[in-house]
Amino acid sequence: MRKLIKFVLFASALAVPVRALCSSAWVNRAFVGAGGYVQIDDGVYAARGLPPQARQHALTALHAARGRIAATFGVPVARPITIIAADDHEAARFGLADDVPGTAFISPLRTEVVLNLAHFSIDVTAHELVHAEVAQRLGFWTRVFELPVWFDEGVAVQLDRREPYLVDCGAIGAQRIREVRRLTTVRRFRQGDRDQIVRNYQAAKCAAAEVLERHPPHTLYMSLARLTQGARFDDVFGPGVHVPLSPGQH
């Protein structure tokens, strides 16, 4: 049965990149440098006509977001292709839905982060760069097979200080936190209306925070490395599992 489940997951995961390769948004991201966008930093692209102050604002936010990741989890190593779209229309060209401020597009080939300057913030930038970092640490297929979506989103939203995610986990409730742990796939996690999806993010933040109490944030990369070495998610992060202390730690 487990082999059958893995085969279905493999086929589903493979179908997403194949469909993406046929989309105009994928083509626009893949050839961003040939579509009116210029490189303004290592792997960072912005519209050719974007004013210098707007470019600097975006670069400052990217630097601050990486600093936020470094202060919480450790120095990030991921350098995804990052596209700064000037407005909703431009963002849609690269695959962002209406009013979505940013998304990390993760495929077997590479990771691309698209940020909409019309809804730009350090919070959104840090959130998406955490996804890129986790993907870099795990690799595409380990991320697909071993990392539940609630944890991927819950870890990312730890650094997202937008108002909807500044929640009291006691008010969220243990039952809701247990329920969100069943949302292991993107389809399950994003099922429902906008309010429901926000509630999923809130509960995922609390569920991931519980894990990070047992596995301090500065050990996250070490724990993810165990998944790449063949360990199961529950064996690394499951209830009752605590990160071993190294000599000198208390």
C-alpha atoms as a PDB file:
ATOM      1  CA  MET A   1       0.000   0.000   0.000  1.00  0.00           C
ATOM      2  CA  ARG A   2       2.817   2.415   0.864  1.00  0.00           C
ATOM      3  CA  LYS A   3       4.426   1.774  -2.543  1.00  0.00           C
ATOM      4  CA  LEU A   4       1.119   2.540  -4.238  1.00  0.00           C
ATOM      5  CA  ILE A   5       0.765   5.802  -2.293  1.00  0.00           C
ATOM      6  CA  LYS A   6       4.314   6.804  -3.241  1.00  0.00           C
ATOM      7  CA  PHE A   7       3.608   6.043  -6.896  1.00  0.00           C
ATOM      8  CA  VAL A   8       0.475   8.211  -6.856  1.00  0.00           C
ATOM      9  CA  LEU A   9       2.366  11.042  -5.163  1.00  0.00           C
ATOM     10  CA  PHE A  10       5.190  10.707  -7.666  1.00  0.00           C
ATOM     11  CA  ALA A  11       2.803  10.836 -10.623  1.00  0.00           C
ATOM     12  CA  SER A  12       0.965  13.832  -9.163  1.00  0.00           C
ATOM     13  CA  ALA A  13       4.176  15.700  -8.384  1.00  0.00           C
ATOM     14  CA  LEU A  14       5.531  15.014 -11.845  1.00  0.00           C
ATOM     15  CA  ALA A  15       2.327  16.189 -13.499  1.00  0.00           C
ATOM     16  CA  VAL A  16       2.593  19.652 -11.945  1.00  0.00           C
ATOM     17  CA  PRO A  17       5.960  20.546 -13.519  1.00  0.00           C
ATOM     18  CA  VAL A  18       4.905  19.025 -16.837  1.00  0.00           C
ATOM     19  CA  ARG A  19       1.763  21.196 -16.901  1.00  0.00           C
ATOM     20  CA  ALA A  20       3.811  24.194 -15.803  1.00  0.00           C
ATOM     21  CA  LEU A  21       6.207  23.754 -18.714  1.00  0.00           C
ATOM     22  CA  CYS A  22       3.271  24.294 -21.035  1.00  0.00           C
ATOM     23  CA  SER A  23       2.156  27.546 -19.427  1.00  0.00           C
ATOM     24  CA  SER A  24       2.948  31.068 -20.579  1.00  0.00           C
ATOM     25  CA  ALA A  25       3.748  32.013 -16.964  1.00  0.00           C
ATOM     26  CA  TRP A  26       6.504  29.372 -16.862  1.00  0.00           C
ATOM     27  CA  VAL A  27       7.928  30.665 -20.139  1.00  0.00           C
ATOM     28  CA  ASN A  28       7.888  34.238 -18.803  1.00  0.00           C
ATOM     29  CA  ARG A  29       9.708  33.171 -15.632  1.00  0.00           C
ATOM     30  CA  ALA A  30      12.197  30.979 -17.479  1.00  0.00           C
ATOM     31  CA  PHE A  31      13.124  33.737 -19.929  1.00  0.00           C
ATOM     32  CA  VAL A  32      12.609  36.701 -17.609  1.00  0.00           C
ATOM     33  CA  GLY A  33      15.812  38.358 -18.799  1.00  0.00           C
ATOM     34  CA  ALA A  34      14.516  38.436 -22.351  1.00  0.00           C
ATOM     35  CA  GLY A  35      11.115  39.854 -21.474  1.00  0.00           C
ATOM     36  CA  GLY A  36      11.773  43.448 -20.466  1.00  0.00           C
ATOM     37  CA  TYR A  37      13.308  42.595 -17.097  1.00  0.00           C
ATOM     38  CA  VAL A  38      16.901  43.308 -16.102  1.00  0.00           C
ATOM     39  CA  GLN A  39      19.106  41.776 -13.437  1.00  0.00           C
ATOM     40  CA  ILE A  40      19.550  44.209 -10.560  1.00  0.00           C
ATOM     41  CA  ASP A  41      21.382  41.830  -8.225  1.00  0.00           C
ATOM     42  CA  ASP A  42      22.545  38.211  -8.212  1.00  0.00           C
ATOM     43  CA  GLY A  43      19.513  36.311  -9.533  1.00  0.00           C
ATOM     44  CA  VAL A  44      17.149  39.246  -8.921  1.00  0.00           C
ATOM     45  CA  TYR A  45      15.199  40.700 -11.852  1.00  0.00           C
ATOM     46  CA  ALA A  46      13.040  43.808 -12.068  1.00  0.00           C
ATOM     47  CA  ALA A  47      11.165  45.586 -14.833  1.00  0.00           C
ATOM     48  CA  ARG A  48      13.501  47.661 -16.980  1.00  0.00           C
ATOM     49  CA  GLY A  49      11.433  50.806 -16.370  1.00  0.00           C
ATOM     50  CA  LEU A  50      11.208  50.428 -12.598  1.00  0.00           C
ATOM     51  CA  PRO A  51      12.496  53.625 -10.924  1.00  0.00           C
ATOM     52  CA  PRO A  52      15.850  53.348  -9.101  1.00  0.00           C
ATOM     53  CA  GLN A  53      14.234  54.025  -5.722  1.00  0.00           C
ATOM     54  CA  ALA A  54      11.780  51.163  -6.249  1.00  0.00           C
ATOM     55  CA  ARG A  55      14.641  48.830  -7.172  1.00  0.00           C
ATOM     56  CA  GLN A  56      16.535  49.849  -4.068  1.00  0.00           C
ATOM     57  CA  HIS A  57      13.428  49.353  -1.930  1.00  0.00           C
ATOM     58  CA  ALA A  58      13.097  45.790  -3.240  1.00  0.00           C
ATOM     59  CA  LEU A  59      16.777  44.980  -2.684  1.00  0.00           C
ATOM     60  CA  THR A  60      16.655  46.394   0.834  1.00  0.00           C
ATOM     61  CA  ALA A  61      13.630  44.233   1.637  1.00  0.00           C
ATOM     62  CA  LEU A  62      15.345  41.134   0.235  1.00  0.00           C
ATOM     63  CA  HIS A  63      18.402  41.819   2.374  1.00  0.00           C
ATOM     64  CA  ALA A  64      16.255  42.388   5.470  1.00  0.00           C
ATOM     65  CA  ALA A  65      14.251  39.214   4.809  1.00  0.00           C
ATOM     66  CA  ARG A  66      17.411  37.123   4.527  1.00  0.00           C
ATOM     67  CA  GLY A  67      18.601  38.719   7.742  1.00  0.00           C
ATOM     68  CA  ARG A  68      15.366  37.690   9.440  1.00  0.00           C
ATOM     69  CA  ILE A  69      15.866  34.109   8.250  1.00  0.00           C
ATOM     70  CA  ALA A  70      19.490  34.094   9.401  1.00  0.00           C
ATOM     71  CA  ALA A  71      18.556  35.395  12.860  1.00  0.00           C
ATOM     72  CA  THR A  72      15.902  32.687  13.314  1.00  0.00           C
ATOM     73  CA  PHE A  73      17.053  29.574  11.458  1.00  0.00           C
ATOM     74  CA  GLY A  74      20.627  30.305  10.401  1.00  0.00           C
ATOM     75  CA  VAL A  75      22.296  31.811   7.359  1.00  0.00           C
ATOM     76  CA  PRO A  76      20.295  30.988   4.209  1.00  0.00           C
ATOM     77  CA  VAL A  77      22.047  29.378   1.243  1.00  0.00           C
ATOM     78  CA  ALA A  78      19.194  29.417  -1.284  1.00  0.00           C
ATOM     79  CA  ARG A  79      19.450  31.932  -4.090  1.00  0.00           C
ATOM     80  CA  PRO A  80      16.233  31.483  -6.055  1.00  0.00           C
ATOM     81  CA  ILE A  81      15.575  33.415  -9.220  1.00  0.00           C
ATOM     82  CA  THR A  82      13.644  36.373  -7.789  1.00  0.00           C
ATOM     83  CA  ILE A  83      11.336  38.448  -9.975  1.00  0.00           C
ATOM     84  CA  ILE A  84      10.049  41.822  -8.801  1.00  0.00           C
ATOM     85  CA  ALA A  85       6.802  42.452 -10.671  1.00  0.00           C
ATOM     86  CA  ALA A  86       5.730  46.094 -10.750  1.00  0.00           C
ATOM     87  CA  ASP A  87       1.961  45.623 -10.403  1.00  0.00           C
ATOM     88  CA  ASP A  88      -0.909  43.121 -10.520  1.00  0.00           C
ATOM     89  CA  HIS A  89      -0.854  42.901 -14.313  1.00  0.00           C
ATOM     90  CA  GLU A  90       2.854  42.138 -14.424  1.00  0.00           C
ATOM     91  CA  ALA A  91       2.558  39.700 -11.525  1.00  0.00           C
ATOM     92  CA  ALA A  92      -0.156  37.797 -13.413  1.00  0.00           C
ATOM     93  CA  ARG A  93       2.247  37.353 -16.339  1.00  0.00           C
ATOM     94  CA  PHE A  94       4.521  35.391 -14.031  1.00  0.00           C
ATOM     95  CA  GLY A  95       1.788  33.236 -12.504  1.00  0.00           C
ATOM     96  CA  LEU A  96       0.549  35.161  -9.465  1.00  0.00           C
ATOM     97  CA  ALA A  97      -3.185  35.120  -8.884  1.00  0.00           C
ATOM     98  CA  ASP A  98      -5.082  38.352  -8.195  1.00  0.00           C
ATOM     99  CA  ASP A  99      -3.954  40.187  -5.033  1.00  0.00           C
ATOM    100  CA  VAL A 100      -1.411  37.480  -4.126  1.00  0.00           C
ATOM    101  CA  PRO A 101       1.680  39.361  -2.910  1.00  0.00           C
ATOM    102  CA  GLY A 102       4.207  36.629  -3.616  1.00  0.00           C
ATOM    103  CA  THR A 103       4.750  32.966  -4.387  1.00  0.00           C
ATOM    104  CA  ALA A 104       7.642  30.538  -4.549  1.00  0.00           C
ATOM    105  CA  PHE A 105       7.428  28.329  -7.640  1.00  0.00           C
ATOM    106  CA  ILE A 106       9.380  25.155  -6.859  1.00  0.00           C
ATOM    107  CA  SER A 107      10.154  22.611  -9.565  1.00  0.00           C
ATOM    108  CA  PRO A 108      12.777  19.902 -10.176  1.00  0.00           C
ATOM    109  CA  LEU A 109      14.679  22.429 -12.292  1.00  0.00           C
ATOM    110  CA  ARG A 110      14.907  25.439 -10.007  1.00  0.00           C
ATOM    111  CA  THR A 111      13.060  27.688  -7.565  1.00  0.00           C
ATOM    112  CA  GLU A 112      11.613  31.025  -8.617  1.00  0.00           C
ATOM    113  CA  VAL A 113      10.180  33.604  -6.237  1.00  0.00           C
ATOM    114  CA  VAL A 114       7.798  36.163  -7.724  1.00  0.00           C
ATOM    115  CA  LEU A 115       7.013  39.239  -5.619  1.00  0.00           C
ATOM    116  CA  ASN A 116       4.372  41.826  -6.497  1.00  0.00           C
ATOM    117  CA  LEU A 117       5.706  45.293  -5.771  1.00  0.00           C
ATOM    118  CA  ALA A 118       2.118  46.563  -5.421  1.00  0.00           C
ATOM    119  CA  HIS A 119       1.755  44.432  -2.255  1.00  0.00           C
ATOM    120  CA  PHE A 120       5.404  44.295  -1.259  1.00  0.00           C
ATOM    121  CA  SER A 121       6.644  43.764   2.295  1.00  0.00           C
ATOM    122  CA  ILE A 122       9.519  42.207   4.203  1.00  0.00           C
ATOM    123  CA  ASP A 123       7.004  39.753   5.714  1.00  0.00           C
ATOM    124  CA  VAL A 124       5.934  38.375   2.337  1.00  0.00           C
ATOM    125  CA  THR A 125       9.530  38.316   1.122  1.00  0.00           C
ATOM    126  CA  ALA A 126      10.756  36.403   4.188  1.00  0.00           C
ATOM    127  CA  HIS A 127       7.818  33.969   3.943  1.00  0.00           C
ATOM    128  CA  GLU A 128       8.607  33.062   0.342  1.00  0.00           C
ATOM    129  CA  LEU A 129      12.355  32.909   0.883  1.00  0.00           C
ATOM    130  CA  VAL A 130      11.818  30.400   3.713  1.00  0.00           C
ATOM    131  CA  HIS A 131      10.034  28.158   1.198  1.00  0.00           C
ATOM    132  CA  ALA A 132      12.991  28.543  -1.135  1.00  0.00           C
ATOM    133  CA  GLU A 133      15.419  27.727   1.667  1.00  0.00           C
ATOM    134  CA  VAL A 134      13.542  24.601   2.740  1.00  0.00           C
ATOM    135  CA  ALA A 135      13.375  23.464  -0.901  1.00  0.00           C
ATOM    136  CA  GLN A 136      17.112  24.054  -1.309  1.00  0.00           C
ATOM    137  CA  ARG A 137      17.916  22.092   1.836  1.00  0.00           C
ATOM    138  CA  LEU A 138      15.663  19.149   0.965  1.00  0.00           C
ATOM    139  CA  GLY A 139      15.726  18.906  -2.802  1.00  0.00           C
ATOM    140  CA  PHE A 140      12.561  18.710  -4.856  1.00  0.00           C
ATOM    141  CA  TRP A 141      11.607  15.070  -4.375  1.00  0.00           C
ATOM    142  CA  THR A 142      12.343  14.823  -0.643  1.00  0.00           C
ATOM    143  CA  ARG A 143      10.229  17.919  -0.167  1.00  0.00           C
ATOM    144  CA  VAL A 144       7.373  16.335  -2.138  1.00  0.00           C
ATOM    145  CA  PHE A 145       7.456  12.976  -0.395  1.00  0.00           C
ATOM    146  CA  GLU A 146       8.526  13.749   3.161  1.00  0.00           C
ATOM    147  CA  LEU A 147       7.498  17.299   4.039  1.00  0.00           C
ATOM    148  CA  PRO A 148       3.818  17.874   4.875  1.00  0.00           C
ATOM    149  CA  VAL A 149       2.487  21.150   3.530  1.00  0.00           C
ATOM    150  CA  TRP A 150       1.205  22.286   6.941  1.00  0.00           C
ATOM    151  CA  PHE A 151       4.802  22.202   8.226  1.00  0.00           C
ATOM    152  CA  ASP A 152       6.277  23.914   5.171  1.00  0.00           C
ATOM    153  CA  GLU A 153       3.718  26.718   5.484  1.00  0.00           C
ATOM    154  CA  GLY A 154       3.864  26.784   9.265  1.00  0.00           C
ATOM    155  CA  VAL A 155       7.631  27.289   9.304  1.00  0.00           C
ATOM    156  CA  ALA A 156       7.419  30.022   6.646  1.00  0.00           C
ATOM    157  CA  VAL A 157       4.707  31.918   8.517  1.00  0.00           C
ATOM    158  CA  GLN A 158       6.862  32.020  11.662  1.00  0.00           C
ATOM    159  CA  LEU A 159       8.630  34.946   9.987  1.00  0.00           C
ATOM    160  CA  ASP A 160       5.485  36.496   8.517  1.00  0.00           C
ATOM    161  CA  ARG A 161       4.325  39.294  10.820  1.00  0.00           C
ATOM    162  CA  ARG A 162       1.290  40.388   8.862  1.00  0.00           C
ATOM    163  CA  GLU A 163      -1.741  41.013  11.044  1.00  0.00           C
ATOM    164  CA  PRO A 164      -3.720  37.822  10.234  1.00  0.00           C
ATOM    165  CA  TYR A 165      -0.819  35.679  11.456  1.00  0.00           C
ATOM    166  CA  LEU A 166      -0.189  37.424  14.774  1.00  0.00           C
ATOM    167  CA  VAL A 167      -2.302  34.850  16.558  1.00  0.00           C
ATOM    168  CA  ASP A 168      -2.741  33.513  20.068  1.00  0.00           C
ATOM    169  CA  CYS A 169      -2.277  29.768  19.689  1.00  0.00           C
ATOM    170  CA  GLY A 170      -4.305  29.186  22.826  1.00  0.00           C
ATOM    171  CA  ALA A 171      -7.252  30.844  21.085  1.00  0.00           C
ATOM    172  CA  ILE A 172      -6.694  28.726  17.962  1.00  0.00           C
ATOM    173  CA  GLY A 173      -7.224  25.642  20.104  1.00  0.00           C
ATOM    174  CA  ALA A 174      -5.713  22.166  20.276  1.00  0.00           C
ATOM    175  CA  GLN A 175      -8.448  20.609  18.138  1.00  0.00           C
ATOM    176  CA  ARG A 176      -7.859  23.005  15.242  1.00  0.00           C
ATOM    177  CA  ILE A 177      -4.100  22.435  15.478  1.00  0.00           C
ATOM    178  CA  ARG A 178      -4.636  18.662  15.345  1.00  0.00           C
ATOM    179  CA  GLU A 179      -6.870  19.076  12.305  1.00  0.00           C
ATOM    180  CA  VAL A 180      -4.355  21.164  10.351  1.00  0.00           C
ATOM    181  CA  ARG A 181      -1.769  18.399  10.699  1.00  0.00           C
ATOM    182  CA  ARG A 182      -3.949  16.337   8.365  1.00  0.00           C
ATOM    183  CA  LEU A 183      -3.452  18.911   5.613  1.00  0.00           C
ATOM    184  CA  THR A 184      -0.363  17.293   4.183  1.00  0.00           C
ATOM    185  CA  THR A 185      -0.862  18.296   0.533  1.00  0.00           C
ATOM    186  CA  VAL A 186      -1.292  21.624  -1.251  1.00  0.00           C
ATOM    187  CA  ARG A 187      -4.786  20.638  -2.404  1.00  0.00           C
ATOM    188  CA  ARG A 188      -5.939  19.927   1.138  1.00  0.00           C
ATOM    189  CA  PHE A 189      -4.279  22.979   2.623  1.00  0.00           C
ATOM    190  CA  ARG A 190      -5.752  25.419   0.120  1.00  0.00           C
ATOM    191  CA  GLN A 191      -9.227  23.957   0.000  1.00  0.00           C
ATOM    192  CA  GLY A 192     -12.017  26.328   0.935  1.00  0.00           C
ATOM    193  CA  ASP A 193     -12.604  30.063   0.723  1.00  0.00           C
ATOM    194  CA  ARG A 194     -10.099  32.788   1.564  1.00  0.00           C
ATOM    195  CA  ASP A 195     -11.066  32.909   5.251  1.00  0.00           C
ATOM    196  CA  GLN A 196     -10.649  29.154   5.582  1.00  0.00           C
ATOM    197  CA  ILE A 197      -7.215  29.270   3.999  1.00  0.00           C
ATOM    198  CA  VAL A 198      -6.145  32.060   6.374  1.00  0.00           C
ATOM    199  CA  ARG A 199      -7.332  29.902   9.288  1.00  0.00           C
ATOM    200  CA  ASN A 200      -5.220  27.052   7.905  1.00  0.00           C
ATOM    201  CA  TYR A 201      -2.159  29.288   7.909  1.00  0.00           C
ATOM    202  CA  GLN A 202      -2.882  30.394  11.462  1.00  0.00           C
ATOM    203  CA  ALA A 203      -3.236  26.828  12.709  1.00  0.00           C
ATOM    204  CA  ALA A 204      -0.178  25.728  10.737  1.00  0.00           C
ATOM    205  CA  LYS A 205       1.857  28.461  12.414  1.00  0.00           C
ATOM    206  CA  CYS A 206       0.826  27.113  15.818  1.00  0.00           C
ATOM    207  CA  ALA A 207       1.418  23.484  14.828  1.00  0.00           C
ATOM    208  CA  ALA A 208       4.907  24.316  13.536  1.00  0.00           C
ATOM    209  CA  ALA A 209       5.607  26.388  16.651  1.00  0.00           C
ATOM    210  CA  GLU A 210       4.892  23.293  18.774  1.00  0.00           C
ATOM    211  CA  VAL A 211       7.454  21.370  16.731  1.00  0.00           C
ATOM    212  CA  LEU A 212       9.981  24.182  17.067  1.00  0.00           C
ATOM    213  CA  GLU A 213       9.627  24.016  20.842  1.00  0.00           C
ATOM    214  CA  ARG A 214      11.087  20.505  20.652  1.00  0.00           C
ATOM    215  CA  HIS A 215      13.440  21.356  17.789  1.00  0.00           C
ATOM    216  CA  PRO A 216      14.775  24.880  18.343  1.00  0.00           C
ATOM    217  CA  PRO A 217      14.763  26.993  15.162  1.00  0.00           C
ATOM    218  CA  HIS A 218      18.569  27.031  14.929  1.00  0.00           C
ATOM    219  CA  THR A 219      18.478  23.222  14.494  1.00  0.00           C
ATOM    220  CA  LEU A 220      15.969  23.254  11.617  1.00  0.00           C
ATOM    221  CA  TYR A 221      18.564  22.859   8.867  1.00  0.00           C
ATOM    222  CA  MET A 222      20.170  19.942  10.706  1.00  0.00           C
ATOM    223  CA  SER A 223      16.787  18.248  11.059  1.00  0.00           C
ATOM    224  CA  LEU A 224      15.950  18.785   7.381  1.00  0.00           C
ATOM    225  CA  ALA A 225      19.276  17.182   6.487  1.00  0.00           C
ATOM    226  CA  ARG A 226      18.119  14.017   8.240  1.00  0.00           C
ATOM    227  CA  LEU A 227      15.159  13.853   5.844  1.00  0.00           C
ATOM    228  CA  THR A 228      17.527  14.005   2.885  1.00  0.00           C
ATOM    229  CA  GLN A 229      19.394  11.072   4.405  1.00  0.00           C
ATOM    230  CA  GLY A 230      16.258   8.916   4.358  1.00  0.00           C
ATOM    231  CA  ALA A 231      14.587   9.584   7.712  1.00  0.00           C
ATOM    232  CA  ARG A 232      10.799   9.907   7.853  1.00  0.00           C
ATOM    233  CA  PHE A 233       9.182  13.184   8.895  1.00  0.00           C
ATOM    234  CA  ASP A 234       7.572  11.690  12.016  1.00  0.00           C
ATOM    235  CA  ASP A 235      10.866  10.097  13.039  1.00  0.00           C
ATOM    236  CA  VAL A 236      12.518  13.513  12.960  1.00  0.00           C
ATOM    237  CA  PHE A 237       9.744  15.923  13.947  1.00  0.00           C
ATOM    238  CA  GLY A 238       6.988  13.747  15.380  1.00  0.00           C
ATOM    239  CA  PRO A 239       5.422  14.098  18.853  1.00  0.00           C
ATOM    240  CA  GLY A 240       7.734  12.934  21.591  1.00  0.00           C
ATOM    241  CA  VAL A 241      10.829  13.390  19.415  1.00  0.00           C
ATOM    242  CA  HIS A 242      13.280  15.962  20.735  1.00  0.00           C
ATOM    243  CA  VAL A 243      16.401  17.231  19.053  1.00  0.00           C
ATOM    244  CA  PRO A 244      19.486  15.761  20.748  1.00  0.00           C
ATOM    245  CA  LEU A 245      21.620  18.289  22.557  1.00  0.00           C
ATOM    246  CA  SER A 246      25.237  18.580  21.526  1.00  0.00           C
ATOM    247  CA  PRO A 247      27.938  18.758  24.205  1.00  0.00           C
ATOM    248  CA  GLY A 248      27.836  22.089  25.989  1.00  0.00           C
ATOM    249  CA  GLN A 249      24.146  22.738  25.258  1.00  0.00           C
ATOM    250  CA  HIS A 250      21.644  22.944  28.131  1.00  0.00           C
END
